[in-house]
Amino acid sequence: MGNMKCRILGVMLTVALFVYPFIIQHANATERGDQRREARDTRQDTRQDARSTKQDCVTSDDKSNHDCRQDKRQKKQDGRQEARRIKY
């Protein structure tokens, strides 16, 4: 009877050693997916903010179209940087 318990314990330990890496890998993949989703949301929000910034700039006539375009580009670049910081 004791031999049977050792055998069952050995099988359970072997199964656990094979299954554990897959569980950890799945958890890491889920975390990375959440990070990618958050980074994507940040980029999308930044795009909309950049559009609004340019529209406000153009309608106010304070700057040339070139300067308004540069402001929009800079705002989008800042958003990309923020997304990279979140993702990596």
Protein backbone atom coordinates (compact mmCIF):
# COMPACT_ATOMS: atom_id res chain seq x y z
CA MET A 1 0.00 0.00 0.00
CA GLY A 2 2.87 2.40 0.82
CA ASN A 3 4.42 1.69 -2.59
CA MET A 4 1.16 2.72 -4.27
CA LYS A 5 1.11 6.04 -2.41
CA CYS A 6 4.67 6.77 -3.49
CA ARG A 7 3.80 5.97 -7.08
CA ILE A 8 0.73 8.25 -7.01
CA LEU A 9 2.74 11.01 -5.38
CA GLY A 10 5.46 10.61 -8.03
CA VAL A 11 2.92 10.84 -10.86
CA MET A 12 1.29 13.91 -9.31
CA LEU A 13 4.68 15.59 -8.90
CA THR A 14 5.64 14.80 -12.49
CA VAL A 15 2.35 16.20 -13.81
CA ALA A 16 2.74 19.32 -11.69
CA LEU A 17 6.26 19.92 -13.03
CA PHE A 18 5.01 19.69 -16.61
CA VAL A 19 1.87 21.79 -16.11
CA TYR A 20 3.38 24.61 -14.04
CA PRO A 21 5.39 26.24 -16.89
CA PHE A 22 2.26 26.40 -19.04
CA ILE A 23 0.31 28.12 -16.28
CA ILE A 24 3.06 30.70 -15.80
CA GLN A 25 3.35 31.26 -19.55
CA HIS A 26 -0.40 31.86 -19.81
CA ALA A 27 -0.30 34.38 -16.96
CA ASN A 28 2.55 36.27 -18.63
CA ALA A 29 0.74 36.31 -21.97
CA THR A 30 -2.36 37.74 -20.31
CA GLU A 31 -0.32 40.47 -18.63
CA ARG A 32 1.38 41.37 -21.91
CA GLY A 33 -2.01 41.49 -23.62
CA ASP A 34 -3.28 43.91 -20.99
CA GLN A 35 -0.21 46.10 -21.49
CA ARG A 36 -0.68 46.12 -25.28
CA ARG A 37 -4.35 47.02 -24.86
CA GLU A 38 -3.52 49.88 -22.50
CA ALA A 39 -0.81 51.17 -24.86
CA ARG A 40 -3.22 51.01 -27.81
CA ASP A 41 -5.85 52.91 -25.86
CA THR A 42 -3.27 55.55 -24.97
CA ARG A 43 -2.30 55.98 -28.63
CA GLN A 44 -5.94 56.25 -29.71
CA ASP A 45 -6.70 58.85 -27.05
CA THR A 46 -3.60 60.78 -28.05
CA ARG A 47 -4.66 60.82 -31.71
CA GLN A 48 -8.01 62.33 -30.81
CA ASP A 49 -6.34 64.89 -28.54
CA ALA A 50 -3.92 65.80 -31.33
CA ARG A 51 -6.80 66.32 -33.76
CA SER A 52 -8.56 68.56 -31.27
CA THR A 53 -5.35 70.49 -30.65
CA LYS A 54 -4.87 71.14 -34.35
CA GLN A 55 -8.50 72.15 -34.87
CA ASP A 56 -8.30 74.57 -31.96
CA CYS A 57 -5.04 75.96 -33.26
CA VAL A 58 -6.37 76.47 -36.79
CA THR A 59 -9.59 78.12 -35.63
CA SER A 60 -7.79 80.49 -33.26
CA ASP A 61 -5.50 81.81 -36.06
CA ASP A 62 -2.69 82.34 -33.54
CA LYS A 63 -0.20 80.24 -35.48
CA SER A 64 0.51 79.31 -39.07
CA ASN A 65 -0.76 76.03 -40.47
CA HIS A 66 2.80 74.72 -40.35
CA ASP A 67 3.09 75.44 -36.63
CA CYS A 68 -0.29 73.84 -35.95
CA ARG A 69 0.84 70.74 -37.85
CA GLN A 70 4.04 70.61 -35.82
CA ASP A 71 2.05 70.85 -32.58
CA LYS A 72 -0.11 67.92 -33.70
CA ARG A 73 2.94 65.85 -34.65
CA GLN A 74 4.61 66.56 -31.32
CA LYS A 75 1.49 65.62 -29.40
CA LYS A 76 1.24 62.31 -31.31
CA GLN A 77 4.94 61.62 -30.71
CA ASP A 78 4.47 62.21 -26.99
CA GLY A 79 1.58 59.73 -27.04
CA ARG A 80 3.70 57.12 -28.79
CA GLN A 81 6.42 57.54 -26.18
CA GLU A 82 3.87 57.10 -23.41
CA ALA A 83 2.52 53.96 -25.10
CA ARG A 84 6.04 52.51 -25.37
CA ARG A 85 6.62 53.22 -21.70
CA ILE A 86 3.43 51.32 -20.83
CA LYS A 87 4.11 48.42 -23.18
CA TYR A 88 7.77 47.84 -22.36
